Amino acid sequence: MRITAKVDYAVRAAAELAAAPPGPVKGDVIAARQGIPAKFLENILADLRRSGLVSSQRGAEGGYWLAADADAVSVADIIRAVEGPLADVHGTPPELVDYRGPAAGLQRVWVATRAALRTVLEEVTLADIAAGRLPEQIDELLREPDAWLRR
């Protein structure tokens, strides 16, 4: 899975909002804290706002805040808000692709890949990230010898 800059920035910005005290946080403050280009971040925050994950207020006292509790927002929710479904094949849900001959089993591979992604991305919440802790089953995956190897 390739994690785009947009997804990385969106999750980092949302984690900042999850860790912030109650009240609005300025976009430029989030951008500075996370080293995210401010204009790019504004577009990402707009996507998160349109999806209902983030609320905002304009003006001198304005800014952004999470629209839901941080423990109710998963990494998968953020990804879907900024990029759409977790696993599509050429823009088509994997359960709808049609392969023939020797490639017929590939559909099951793509569906299983989506299920594996969900296992991690739907379990980890913004509260987990902001607190620096992960669910036990995710920590178990990180303890596997090959987890940290790049292949």
C-alpha atoms as a PDB file:
ATOM      1  CA  MET A   1       0.000   0.000   0.000  1.00  0.00           C
ATOM      2  CA  ARG A   2       1.309   3.405  -0.938  1.00  0.00           C
ATOM      3  CA  ILE A   3       0.473   6.033   1.667  1.00  0.00           C
ATOM      4  CA  THR A   4       0.219   9.350  -0.134  1.00  0.00           C
ATOM      5  CA  ALA A   5       1.360  12.666   1.290  1.00  0.00           C
ATOM      6  CA  LYS A   6      -2.299  13.696   1.416  1.00  0.00           C
ATOM      7  CA  VAL A   7      -3.205  10.731   3.644  1.00  0.00           C
ATOM      8  CA  ASP A   8      -0.123  11.162   5.827  1.00  0.00           C
ATOM      9  CA  TYR A   9      -0.798  14.877   6.290  1.00  0.00           C
ATOM     10  CA  ALA A  10      -4.507  14.292   6.959  1.00  0.00           C
ATOM     11  CA  VAL A  11      -3.864  11.745   9.704  1.00  0.00           C
ATOM     12  CA  ARG A  12      -1.148  13.929  11.259  1.00  0.00           C
ATOM     13  CA  ALA A  13      -3.408  16.999  11.218  1.00  0.00           C
ATOM     14  CA  ALA A  14      -6.286  15.026  12.715  1.00  0.00           C
ATOM     15  CA  ALA A  15      -3.965  13.688  15.425  1.00  0.00           C
ATOM     16  CA  GLU A  16      -3.005  17.285  16.250  1.00  0.00           C
ATOM     17  CA  LEU A  17      -6.689  18.120  16.626  1.00  0.00           C
ATOM     18  CA  ALA A  18      -7.212  15.035  18.788  1.00  0.00           C
ATOM     19  CA  ALA A  19      -4.382  16.092  21.106  1.00  0.00           C
ATOM     20  CA  ALA A  20      -5.395  19.763  21.251  1.00  0.00           C
ATOM     21  CA  PRO A  21      -7.233  21.278  24.190  1.00  0.00           C
ATOM     22  CA  PRO A  22     -10.918  22.034  23.560  1.00  0.00           C
ATOM     23  CA  GLY A  23     -11.499  24.842  21.100  1.00  0.00           C
ATOM     24  CA  PRO A  24     -10.451  25.768  17.593  1.00  0.00           C
ATOM     25  CA  VAL A  25      -6.907  25.274  16.318  1.00  0.00           C
ATOM     26  CA  LYS A  26      -5.639  27.456  13.474  1.00  0.00           C
ATOM     27  CA  GLY A  27      -4.617  25.666  10.296  1.00  0.00           C
ATOM     28  CA  ASP A  28      -1.268  27.459  10.227  1.00  0.00           C
ATOM     29  CA  VAL A  29      -0.545  26.218  13.755  1.00  0.00           C
ATOM     30  CA  ILE A  30      -1.183  22.613  12.682  1.00  0.00           C
ATOM     31  CA  ALA A  31       0.914  23.152   9.546  1.00  0.00           C
ATOM     32  CA  ALA A  32       3.841  24.540  11.568  1.00  0.00           C
ATOM     33  CA  ARG A  33       3.706  21.817  14.216  1.00  0.00           C
ATOM     34  CA  GLN A  34       3.659  19.033  11.640  1.00  0.00           C
ATOM     35  CA  GLY A  35       5.792  20.576   8.908  1.00  0.00           C
ATOM     36  CA  ILE A  36       2.934  20.435   6.401  1.00  0.00           C
ATOM     37  CA  PRO A  37       2.634  22.992   3.580  1.00  0.00           C
ATOM     38  CA  ALA A  38      -0.138  25.352   4.749  1.00  0.00           C
ATOM     39  CA  LYS A  39      -2.005  25.612   1.425  1.00  0.00           C
ATOM     40  CA  PHE A  40      -2.036  21.835   0.993  1.00  0.00           C
ATOM     41  CA  LEU A  41      -3.247  21.443   4.566  1.00  0.00           C
ATOM     42  CA  GLU A  42      -6.127  23.875   4.023  1.00  0.00           C
ATOM     43  CA  ASN A  43      -7.394  21.675   1.171  1.00  0.00           C
ATOM     44  CA  ILE A  44      -7.064  18.570   3.325  1.00  0.00           C
ATOM     45  CA  LEU A  45      -8.905  20.195   6.218  1.00  0.00           C
ATOM     46  CA  ALA A  46     -11.661  21.201   3.780  1.00  0.00           C
ATOM     47  CA  ASP A  47     -11.999  17.530   2.743  1.00  0.00           C
ATOM     48  CA  LEU A  48     -12.181  16.494   6.398  1.00  0.00           C
ATOM     49  CA  ARG A  49     -14.786  19.181   7.045  1.00  0.00           C
ATOM     50  CA  ARG A  50     -16.914  18.084   4.060  1.00  0.00           C
ATOM     51  CA  SER A  51     -16.805  14.511   5.337  1.00  0.00           C
ATOM     52  CA  GLY A  52     -18.079  15.620   8.749  1.00  0.00           C
ATOM     53  CA  LEU A  53     -14.954  14.590  10.659  1.00  0.00           C
ATOM     54  CA  VAL A  54     -13.800  18.144  11.336  1.00  0.00           C
ATOM     55  CA  SER A  55     -15.707  21.321  12.104  1.00  0.00           C
ATOM     56  CA  SER A  56     -14.450  24.830  11.525  1.00  0.00           C
ATOM     57  CA  GLN A  57     -15.136  28.442  12.287  1.00  0.00           C
ATOM     58  CA  ARG A  58     -13.857  31.461  10.392  1.00  0.00           C
ATOM     59  CA  GLY A  59     -12.501  34.603  11.930  1.00  0.00           C
ATOM     60  CA  ALA A  60      -9.966  35.715  14.477  1.00  0.00           C
ATOM     61  CA  GLU A  61     -11.212  33.206  17.041  1.00  0.00           C
ATOM     62  CA  GLY A  62     -11.736  30.513  14.411  1.00  0.00           C
ATOM     63  CA  GLY A  63      -9.956  27.355  13.479  1.00  0.00           C
ATOM     64  CA  TYR A  64     -10.595  23.622  13.297  1.00  0.00           C
ATOM     65  CA  TRP A  65     -11.626  20.947  15.765  1.00  0.00           C
ATOM     66  CA  LEU A  66     -12.735  17.317  15.599  1.00  0.00           C
ATOM     67  CA  ALA A  67     -16.473  16.927  15.045  1.00  0.00           C
ATOM     68  CA  ALA A  68     -16.477  13.612  16.946  1.00  0.00           C
ATOM     69  CA  ASP A  69     -14.615  12.098  19.867  1.00  0.00           C
ATOM     70  CA  ALA A  70     -11.087  11.080  18.906  1.00  0.00           C
ATOM     71  CA  ASP A  71     -11.778   7.514  20.009  1.00  0.00           C
ATOM     72  CA  ALA A  72     -14.630   7.307  17.480  1.00  0.00           C
ATOM     73  CA  VAL A  73     -12.530   8.349  14.456  1.00  0.00           C
ATOM     74  CA  SER A  74     -10.349   5.684  12.863  1.00  0.00           C
ATOM     75  CA  VAL A  75      -7.425   6.088  10.513  1.00  0.00           C
ATOM     76  CA  ALA A  76      -9.651   4.424   7.894  1.00  0.00           C
ATOM     77  CA  ASP A  77     -12.221   7.210   8.345  1.00  0.00           C
ATOM     78  CA  ILE A  78      -9.550   9.816   7.610  1.00  0.00           C
ATOM     79  CA  ILE A  79      -8.275   7.953   4.546  1.00  0.00           C
ATOM     80  CA  ARG A  80     -11.776   7.567   3.133  1.00  0.00           C
ATOM     81  CA  ALA A  81     -12.446  11.276   3.688  1.00  0.00           C
ATOM     82  CA  VAL A  82      -9.438  12.445   1.687  1.00  0.00           C
ATOM     83  CA  GLU A  83      -8.964   9.672  -0.891  1.00  0.00           C
ATOM     84  CA  GLY A  84     -12.032   7.454  -0.977  1.00  0.00           C
ATOM     85  CA  PRO A  85     -12.264   3.694  -0.442  1.00  0.00           C
ATOM     86  CA  LEU A  86      -9.339   1.834   1.100  1.00  0.00           C
ATOM     87  CA  ALA A  87      -8.857  -0.580  -1.783  1.00  0.00           C
ATOM     88  CA  ASP A  88     -10.187  -0.135  -5.293  1.00  0.00           C
ATOM     89  CA  VAL A  89      -8.981  -1.736  -8.491  1.00  0.00           C
ATOM     90  CA  HIS A  90      -8.876   0.936 -11.193  1.00  0.00           C
ATOM     91  CA  GLY A  91     -11.648   2.801  -9.355  1.00  0.00           C
ATOM     92  CA  THR A  92     -13.847  -0.303  -8.969  1.00  0.00           C
ATOM     93  CA  PRO A  93     -14.552  -2.078  -5.674  1.00  0.00           C
ATOM     94  CA  PRO A  94     -12.635  -5.374  -5.681  1.00  0.00           C
ATOM     95  CA  GLU A  95     -15.797  -7.438  -5.245  1.00  0.00           C
ATOM     96  CA  LEU A  96     -17.039  -6.085  -8.582  1.00  0.00           C
ATOM     97  CA  VAL A  97     -13.971  -6.751 -10.723  1.00  0.00           C
ATOM     98  CA  ASP A  98     -14.211  -9.609 -13.201  1.00  0.00           C
ATOM     99  CA  TYR A  99     -11.136 -11.616 -14.126  1.00  0.00           C
ATOM    100  CA  ARG A 100     -10.949 -14.608 -16.427  1.00  0.00           C
ATOM    101  CA  GLY A 101      -8.755 -17.624 -16.828  1.00  0.00           C
ATOM    102  CA  PRO A 102      -5.637 -17.865 -14.685  1.00  0.00           C
ATOM    103  CA  ALA A 103      -6.288 -14.401 -13.195  1.00  0.00           C
ATOM    104  CA  ALA A 104      -9.759 -15.352 -11.871  1.00  0.00           C
ATOM    105  CA  GLY A 105      -8.438 -15.858  -8.321  1.00  0.00           C
ATOM    106  CA  LEU A 106      -7.006 -12.338  -8.236  1.00  0.00           C
ATOM    107  CA  GLN A 107     -10.331 -10.856  -7.176  1.00  0.00           C
ATOM    108  CA  ARG A 108     -10.102 -12.812  -3.908  1.00  0.00           C
ATOM    109  CA  VAL A 109      -6.571 -11.470  -3.349  1.00  0.00           C
ATOM    110  CA  TRP A 110      -7.793  -7.864  -3.694  1.00  0.00           C
ATOM    111  CA  VAL A 111     -10.770  -8.470  -1.379  1.00  0.00           C
ATOM    112  CA  ALA A 112      -8.474 -10.092   1.206  1.00  0.00           C
ATOM    113  CA  THR A 113      -6.075  -7.160   0.895  1.00  0.00           C
ATOM    114  CA  ARG A 114      -8.903  -4.748   1.659  1.00  0.00           C
ATOM    115  CA  ALA A 115      -9.921  -6.887   4.652  1.00  0.00           C
ATOM    116  CA  ALA A 116      -6.335  -6.862   5.971  1.00  0.00           C
ATOM    117  CA  LEU A 117      -6.127  -3.090   5.613  1.00  0.00           C
ATOM    118  CA  ARG A 118      -9.391  -2.726   7.494  1.00  0.00           C
ATOM    119  CA  THR A 119      -8.053  -4.929  10.289  1.00  0.00           C
ATOM    120  CA  VAL A 120      -5.437  -2.295  11.061  1.00  0.00           C
ATOM    121  CA  LEU A 121      -6.863   0.993   9.816  1.00  0.00           C
ATOM    122  CA  GLU A 122     -10.328   0.614  11.332  1.00  0.00           C
ATOM    123  CA  GLU A 123      -8.912  -0.450  14.700  1.00  0.00           C
ATOM    124  CA  VAL A 124      -6.511   2.445  15.233  1.00  0.00           C
ATOM    125  CA  THR A 125      -8.207   5.673  16.302  1.00  0.00           C
ATOM    126  CA  LEU A 126      -7.044   9.244  16.530  1.00  0.00           C
ATOM    127  CA  ALA A 127      -7.136   8.888  20.312  1.00  0.00           C
ATOM    128  CA  ASP A 128      -4.707   5.948  20.053  1.00  0.00           C
ATOM    129  CA  ILE A 129      -2.305   7.942  17.889  1.00  0.00           C
ATOM    130  CA  ALA A 130      -2.523  11.107  19.999  1.00  0.00           C
ATOM    131  CA  ALA A 131      -1.887   9.073  23.168  1.00  0.00           C
ATOM    132  CA  GLY A 132       1.037   7.206  21.604  1.00  0.00           C
ATOM    133  CA  ARG A 133      -0.546   3.798  22.158  1.00  0.00           C
ATOM    134  CA  LEU A 134      -1.969   1.229  19.784  1.00  0.00           C
ATOM    135  CA  PRO A 135      -4.482  -1.593  20.258  1.00  0.00           C
ATOM    136  CA  GLU A 136      -2.821  -4.847  21.377  1.00  0.00           C
ATOM    137  CA  GLN A 137      -3.497  -6.689  18.105  1.00  0.00           C
ATOM    138  CA  ILE A 138      -1.680  -3.919  16.230  1.00  0.00           C
ATOM    139  CA  ASP A 139       1.270  -4.093  18.627  1.00  0.00           C
ATOM    140  CA  GLU A 140       1.344  -7.858  17.987  1.00  0.00           C
ATOM    141  CA  LEU A 141       1.748  -7.194  14.266  1.00  0.00           C
ATOM    142  CA  LEU A 142       4.626  -4.827  15.016  1.00  0.00           C
ATOM    143  CA  ARG A 143       6.422  -7.539  17.001  1.00  0.00           C
ATOM    144  CA  GLU A 144       6.536  -9.872  13.992  1.00  0.00           C
ATOM    145  CA  PRO A 145      10.156 -10.172  12.773  1.00  0.00           C
ATOM    146  CA  ASP A 146       9.375  -9.062   9.222  1.00  0.00           C
ATOM    147  CA  ALA A 147       7.160  -6.128  10.217  1.00  0.00           C
ATOM    148  CA  TRP A 148       9.952  -3.568  10.068  1.00  0.00           C
ATOM    149  CA  LEU A 149      11.636  -4.926   6.934  1.00  0.00           C
ATOM    150  CA  ARG A 150      11.149  -3.040   3.712  1.00  0.00           C
ATOM    151  CA  ARG A 151      10.388  -5.299   0.791  1.00  0.00           C
END
